[in-house]
Protein backbone atom coordinates (compact mmCIF):
# COMPACT_ATOMS: atom_id res chain seq x y z
CA MET A 1 82.67 79.41 43.39
CA ARG A 2 82.96 79.05 47.18
CA VAL A 3 86.66 79.26 46.78
CA TRP A 4 86.30 82.56 44.72
CA ILE A 5 83.81 84.37 47.12
CA ALA A 6 86.00 83.75 50.29
CA ALA A 7 88.69 85.31 48.16
CA ILE A 8 86.66 88.42 47.21
CA ALA A 9 85.55 88.50 51.13
CA LEU A 10 89.24 87.98 52.29
CA LEU A 11 90.17 90.69 49.76
CA ALA A 12 87.91 93.50 50.76
CA THR A 13 88.25 92.64 54.26
CA ALA A 14 92.28 93.33 54.05
CA CYS A 15 91.02 97.05 52.06
CA THR A 16 88.83 97.84 54.58
CA SER A 17 91.84 96.89 56.92
CA GLN A 18 93.93 99.45 55.44
CA ALA A 19 91.81 101.99 54.73
CA GLN A 20 91.45 102.76 58.17
CA PRO A 21 94.05 105.20 59.31
CA GLN A 22 96.06 103.70 62.54
CA ALA A 23 95.34 105.21 65.89
CA GLU A 24 97.93 107.90 66.89
CA GLN A 25 100.28 107.93 70.42
CA LYS A 26 98.56 110.61 72.80
CA PRO A 27 100.81 113.06 74.07
CA LEU A 28 101.83 113.07 77.01
CA PRO A 29 101.59 116.43 79.39
CA THR A 30 104.33 118.78 79.47
CA ALA A 31 105.73 121.53 81.63
CA PRO A 32 107.46 125.00 81.76
CA VAL A 33 110.86 124.82 82.49
CA THR A 34 111.30 127.93 85.31
CA ARG A 35 113.63 130.11 86.63
CA GLY A 36 113.59 130.74 90.12
CA ASP A 37 114.68 129.78 93.81
CA LEU A 38 114.81 126.27 95.23
CA VAL A 39 114.77 125.51 98.80
CA SER A 40 115.21 121.66 99.98
CA SER A 41 113.27 120.76 103.07
CA ILE A 42 112.02 118.35 105.58
CA GLN A 43 108.76 118.26 107.32
CA GLN A 44 108.69 116.62 110.78
CA PRO A 45 105.61 116.36 113.37
CA GLY A 46 105.27 118.89 116.47
CA GLN A 47 102.76 119.69 119.19
CA LEU A 48 101.89 123.65 119.27
CA GLY A 49 100.87 125.16 123.13
CA TYR A 50 102.27 128.06 125.28
CA VAL A 51 106.39 128.58 125.98
CA GLY A 52 108.15 127.75 128.96
CA SER A 53 106.91 125.60 132.56
CA ILE A 54 106.86 128.09 135.35
CA GLN A 55 106.19 127.77 139.37
CA LEU A 56 105.42 130.42 141.66
CA VAL A 57 106.67 129.52 145.34
CA ALA A 58 105.03 130.88 148.15
CA GLN A 59 107.42 133.32 150.53
CA ARG A 60 105.12 134.13 153.25
CA GLN A 61 103.78 132.14 155.95
CA GLY A 62 99.98 132.86 156.43
CA THR A 63 96.57 132.06 155.45
CA VAL A 64 95.63 132.08 151.49
CA THR A 65 92.53 134.20 150.77
CA ALA A 66 92.67 134.65 147.52
CA MET A 67 94.07 132.40 144.32
CA PRO A 68 94.17 132.91 140.67
CA GLY A 69 91.81 130.64 138.09
CA VAL A 70 93.02 127.73 135.87
CA GLY A 71 93.86 129.77 132.43
CA HIS A 72 93.59 133.05 134.01
CA VAL A 73 96.66 135.43 132.69
CA ILE A 74 98.84 137.53 135.42
CA SER A 75 100.94 140.51 133.81
CA ARG A 76 103.01 142.56 135.98
CA GLY A 77 101.73 144.24 138.70
CA GLN A 78 98.46 142.20 138.88
CA GLN A 79 97.88 139.89 141.56
CA VAL A 80 99.19 135.83 142.06
CA TYR A 81 97.59 135.43 145.71
CA ALA A 82 96.55 136.92 148.62
CA VAL A 83 97.84 136.03 151.88
CA ASP A 84 96.01 137.18 155.42
CA GLN A 85 94.41 139.51 152.71
CA ARG A 86 97.65 140.95 151.66
CA SER A 87 97.95 140.93 147.73
CA ILE A 88 101.00 139.80 146.48
CA PRO A 89 101.61 140.94 143.16
CA LEU A 90 104.12 139.73 140.11
CA PHE A 91 106.87 141.68 139.23
CA TYR A 92 108.77 140.72 135.98
CA GLY A 93 112.94 139.61 136.12
CA THR A 94 115.17 136.36 136.74
CA LEU A 95 115.77 137.19 140.40
CA PRO A 96 113.08 136.46 143.65
CA PHE A 97 113.22 138.63 145.94
CA TYR A 98 115.39 136.84 148.74
CA ARG A 99 116.24 139.73 151.17
CA PRO A 100 114.80 143.11 152.58
CA LEU A 101 115.22 145.82 150.14
CA ASN A 102 116.02 149.30 151.79
CA ARG A 103 118.78 152.16 151.44
CA ALA A 104 121.30 150.03 153.26
CA VAL A 105 121.80 147.88 150.06
CA LYS A 106 122.89 147.69 146.94
CA GLY A 107 122.44 144.92 143.98
CA GLU A 108 120.95 143.64 140.70
CA ASP A 109 117.37 143.11 143.31
CA VAL A 110 117.51 146.90 143.58
CA ARG A 111 117.58 147.41 139.59
CA GLN A 112 114.94 144.73 138.78
CA LEU A 113 112.89 146.06 141.22
CA GLU A 114 113.15 149.83 139.69
CA ARG A 115 112.66 148.79 136.55
CA ASN A 116 109.50 147.34 137.58
CA LEU A 117 108.54 150.35 139.73
CA VAL A 118 109.44 152.86 136.39
CA ASP A 119 106.90 150.05 134.19
CA LEU A 120 104.17 150.10 136.52
CA GLY A 121 104.22 154.07 136.29
CA HIS A 122 105.49 154.81 139.77
CA ALA A 123 108.74 156.41 138.92
CA THR A 124 110.47 157.97 136.15
CA PHE A 125 114.19 157.68 136.55
CA THR A 126 116.57 155.29 135.05
CA PRO A 127 117.34 151.93 137.37
CA ASP A 128 120.53 151.37 138.68
CA ASP A 129 121.59 148.86 141.89
CA THR A 130 121.34 151.90 143.87
CA TYR A 131 118.05 152.04 147.30
CA THR A 132 118.14 156.19 146.64
CA THR A 133 115.97 158.59 148.19
CA ALA A 134 114.06 158.66 144.79
CA THR A 135 113.56 154.23 144.80
CA VAL A 136 112.27 154.77 148.31
CA ASN A 137 109.60 157.29 147.02
CA ALA A 138 108.90 155.29 144.40
CA VAL A 139 108.08 152.03 146.66
CA LYS A 140 105.62 153.80 148.78
CA ARG A 141 103.97 155.20 145.78
CA TRP A 142 103.28 151.30 144.61
CA GLN A 143 102.55 150.51 148.51
CA LYS A 144 99.84 153.09 148.41
CA SER A 145 98.59 152.10 145.15
CA LEU A 146 98.04 148.20 147.24
CA GLY A 147 96.52 149.76 150.15
CA LEU A 148 99.40 148.76 152.33
CA THR A 149 101.33 150.63 154.78
CA GLU A 150 103.53 153.34 152.79
CA THR A 151 107.10 151.63 154.86
CA GLY A 152 109.20 152.40 151.80
CA THR A 153 110.99 149.06 152.12
CA VAL A 154 110.24 145.70 150.45
CA GLU A 155 110.40 142.51 152.22
CA PRO A 156 110.92 139.09 150.89
CA GLY A 157 107.36 138.07 149.64
CA ASP A 158 105.82 141.21 148.89
CA ALA A 159 105.85 140.52 145.39
CA LEU A 160 106.72 137.33 143.03
CA VAL A 161 109.20 137.45 140.35
CA ALA A 162 108.63 135.41 136.71
CA ALA A 163 110.21 136.62 133.44
CA GLY A 164 107.11 137.56 131.85
CA PRO A 165 102.86 137.01 131.89
CA VAL A 166 102.04 133.93 133.63
CA ARG A 167 99.36 131.92 132.58
CA VAL A 168 97.81 129.82 135.04
CA THR A 169 97.68 125.93 133.86
CA ALA A 170 97.54 125.02 137.98
CA THR A 171 97.25 126.08 141.10
CA ASN A 172 98.27 124.06 144.76
CA GLY A 173 97.17 126.26 147.34
CA LEU A 174 93.10 126.75 148.77
CA VAL A 175 91.56 129.26 150.37
CA GLY A 176 91.67 129.01 153.53
CA ALA A 177 94.96 126.78 153.78
CA MET A 178 98.43 127.41 155.14
CA ALA A 179 100.73 129.02 152.92
CA ARG A 180 104.10 127.74 153.47
CA PRO A 181 107.37 129.31 151.91
CA GLY A 182 109.17 127.18 149.38
CA GLU A 183 105.54 126.07 148.30
CA ALA A 184 104.37 126.14 144.95
CA LEU A 185 101.21 127.46 144.64
CA VAL A 186 101.15 128.40 140.82
CA THR A 187 101.83 126.35 138.08
CA GLY A 188 101.73 127.71 134.36
CA THR A 189 103.49 128.91 131.45
CA GLY A 190 103.76 132.01 129.61
CA THR A 191 101.55 133.40 126.82
CA GLU A 192 104.10 133.10 123.51
CA HIS A 193 102.90 130.10 121.94
CA GLY A 194 105.57 127.54 120.58
CA VAL A 195 106.28 124.27 119.02
CA HIS A 196 108.14 121.39 120.69
CA VAL A 197 109.91 118.63 117.53
CA ASP A 198 111.10 115.53 118.40
CA LEU A 199 113.36 115.85 115.49
CA ASP A 200 114.74 112.43 114.10
CA ARG A 201 118.39 112.61 114.54
CA ARG A 202 119.02 111.91 110.88
CA HIS A 203 117.98 115.34 109.89
CA ARG A 204 119.77 117.13 113.12
CA SER A 205 121.79 118.99 110.51
CA MET A 206 118.22 120.66 108.94
CA ALA A 207 118.30 122.30 112.26
CA ALA A 208 119.92 125.41 113.68
CA VAL A 209 119.57 128.15 116.68
CA ASP A 210 117.73 130.74 115.85
CA GLN A 211 116.79 129.41 112.31
CA THR A 212 113.15 130.62 110.65
CA VAL A 213 110.98 127.79 110.31
CA GLN A 214 107.17 127.62 108.71
CA VAL A 215 105.11 125.81 110.83
CA ARG A 216 101.90 124.00 109.29
CA LEU A 217 98.42 124.13 111.41
CA PHE A 218 95.35 122.17 111.05
CA GLY A 219 93.62 123.07 107.65
CA GLY A 220 96.79 124.18 106.03
CA ARG A 221 97.09 127.78 107.27
CA SER A 222 100.91 128.72 107.90
CA VAL A 223 102.57 130.82 110.53
CA THR A 224 106.82 131.54 111.11
CA GLY A 225 108.35 130.28 114.11
CA VAL A 226 112.48 130.41 115.30
CA VAL A 227 114.44 127.84 116.51
CA ARG A 228 115.27 128.53 120.22
CA THR A 229 116.94 125.37 121.93
CA ILE A 230 118.18 122.05 120.06
CA GLU A 231 118.66 119.22 123.20
CA SER A 232 122.39 118.03 122.72
CA THR A 233 121.80 114.14 123.19
CA ALA A 234 119.64 112.20 120.76
CA THR A 235 116.96 109.59 122.86
CA GLN A 236 114.98 106.60 122.16
CA PRO A 237 110.73 106.58 121.65
CA PRO A 238 109.30 103.66 123.21
CA GLN A 239 107.23 101.57 121.20
CA ASN A 240 105.22 98.74 122.28
CA GLY A 241 107.03 98.95 125.58
CA GLN A 242 110.47 98.82 124.26
CA ASN A 243 112.92 101.10 122.49
CA THR A 244 113.28 101.31 118.55
CA SER A 245 116.62 100.94 116.93
CA GLN A 246 118.95 104.05 116.74
CA ASP A 247 117.29 105.17 113.50
CA ARG A 248 114.12 106.31 115.21
CA GLN A 249 116.34 108.48 117.83
CA THR A 250 114.76 111.99 118.16
CA ILE A 251 116.46 115.26 119.46
CA GLY A 252 114.31 117.96 120.90
CA VAL A 253 113.73 120.96 118.88
CA ASP A 254 112.14 124.07 120.97
CA ILE A 255 110.22 126.68 118.48
CA LEU A 256 108.82 130.32 119.08
CA ILE A 257 106.29 131.45 117.10
CA THR A 258 107.04 134.81 115.80
CA SER A 259 103.79 135.71 114.01
CA PRO A 260 101.00 137.42 115.59
CA GLN A 261 98.55 135.41 117.44
CA THR A 262 96.04 136.39 115.37
CA GLU A 263 97.54 134.45 112.27
CA LEU A 264 96.97 131.11 114.38
CA GLY A 265 93.36 131.59 113.89
CA GLY A 266 92.40 130.66 117.33
CA VAL A 267 94.66 127.18 117.15
CA PHE A 268 96.41 127.44 120.38
CA GLU A 269 97.20 124.02 121.24
CA GLY A 270 96.95 120.88 119.14
CA PRO A 271 99.52 118.34 116.47
CA VAL A 272 100.63 120.52 113.55
CA THR A 273 103.74 120.23 111.22
CA VAL A 274 107.40 122.04 111.34
CA ILE A 275 109.10 122.63 107.59
CA PHE A 276 112.84 123.10 107.90
CA PRO A 277 114.37 124.48 104.86
CA GLY A 278 117.88 123.27 103.64
CA GLU A 279 120.08 123.92 101.23
CA SER A 280 119.08 127.01 98.47
CA ARG A 281 119.87 128.00 94.84
CA ARG A 282 118.67 131.17 93.88
CA GLY A 283 117.89 132.30 90.17
CA VAL A 284 118.21 128.43 88.84
CA LEU A 285 116.48 126.42 86.01
CA THR A 286 113.95 123.88 87.46
CA VAL A 287 111.31 121.13 86.09
CA PRO A 288 109.34 118.73 88.22
CA VAL A 289 111.36 115.83 88.92
CA GLU A 290 109.21 113.73 86.98
CA ALA A 291 110.75 115.48 84.00
CA LEU A 292 113.92 113.46 84.19
CA THR A 293 114.60 110.60 82.52
CA VAL A 294 117.31 108.21 81.76
CA VAL A 295 119.34 107.93 78.10
CA PRO A 296 121.20 104.92 77.18
CA GLY A 297 124.48 105.52 79.02
CA GLY A 298 123.44 106.41 82.11
CA ALA A 299 123.21 110.16 81.52
CA TYR A 300 120.00 111.81 82.39
CA ALA A 301 117.97 114.05 80.47
CA VAL A 302 114.80 115.40 79.82
CA VAL A 303 112.57 115.52 76.35
CA VAL A 304 111.19 119.47 74.77
CA VAL A 305 108.53 119.57 72.84
CA ASP A 306 108.32 122.68 70.53
CA GLN A 307 107.46 123.27 67.27
CA ASN A 308 109.85 120.81 65.82
CA GLY A 309 108.45 117.91 67.80
CA ARG A 310 110.28 115.86 70.22
CA HIS A 311 114.33 116.08 71.32
CA THR A 312 116.21 114.72 73.79
CA ILE A 313 118.61 117.11 75.74
CA GLU A 314 121.03 115.95 78.72
CA VAL A 315 120.75 117.72 81.51
CA GLU A 316 123.00 117.72 84.78
CA PRO A 317 121.06 117.73 88.15
CA GLY A 318 121.72 119.47 91.09
CA LEU A 319 119.60 120.27 94.33
CA PHE A 320 116.17 117.88 94.44
CA THR A 321 113.01 118.92 96.47
CA ALA A 322 110.06 117.06 97.18
CA SER A 323 108.65 118.01 93.75
CA ARG A 324 110.77 119.74 91.42
CA VAL A 325 114.57 119.69 90.29
CA GLU A 326 117.78 122.27 89.72
CA ILE A 327 119.00 120.95 85.93
CA THR A 328 121.51 122.71 83.86
CA SER A 329 122.01 122.20 80.43
CA PRO A 330 123.66 124.48 77.20
CA GLY A 331 120.59 123.28 74.93
CA LEU A 332 118.06 124.39 77.42
CA VAL A 333 116.29 127.77 78.57
CA GLU A 334 113.16 129.35 80.48
CA GLY A 335 109.98 128.70 78.97
CA MET A 336 110.88 125.35 77.18
CA ARG A 337 108.29 122.85 77.40
CA VAL A 338 109.60 119.12 78.40
CA GLU A 339 107.45 115.94 78.99
CA VAL A 340 106.13 115.05 82.37
CA PRO A 341 104.70 111.87 82.00
CA THR A 342 102.79 111.65 85.95
CA ILE A 343 101.42 114.82 85.59
């Protein structure tokens, strides 16, 4: 009797087991095949700051009677410092005023002087390299605006020269001290913003002068920059007092921010990430990198999911980025959905 009861119980258990449906395999996530532009890129850390390093050198000897404050921005025509209560303004250019300028001279320094006088509103002529009567009159108007004796001539040290506005970062002169010719009184930078990147030398081919790059600021905001200079020599950054391997050699790259200053969001200095674009493909089919699979024989493929179920299509991969890959296949069209196991 006990044997029959055990047999009936076993049969009932088997029937119950057969009556329960097996759990179906959970379908994998899918993503669409899209057509568009694909650009590979690399990301490198950089340091945002102000462009340039400027030193303004005294050319007049005397007692310093005024100095600018750190952080002050000096523009064309504005006072850099004062010596013996004489205001020494800033002019824009590349050539310091190294000699007396008067009707007896000609040269590029005359042209530079005239260009500044025009931009300051003291003249309307076209700048040239000849010191004419019109130049004399313009110089007198400039001297009058400064409260100086109207001589019509310019002496070395009457103005200091820089390529553009100067943002003061340090001063080397004290009010009451003696200014001596050749002494750097003001150190500063330009007012434009830029980024310095120590580019991994393995990515040197990704950077080029005049190349447009994206600069990602803290918090995710991005601005545009242009590569201005690339150093020609690689260096090895020290680590723990020792040089690293050649694989860690870097090349200095300086980038000028071309986006308006307002787009910096008030962040003018600090660490950033620079994105250098690489190869590009226009109007190609792409899928997430994770959608690629390898079929027997070593070929690449994707698994397409449609109303007919799942089927595998071999593809030829092209350009890879961090998240997507270019693919080509006669059986693949935009809009198809492919399995992406890691979504």
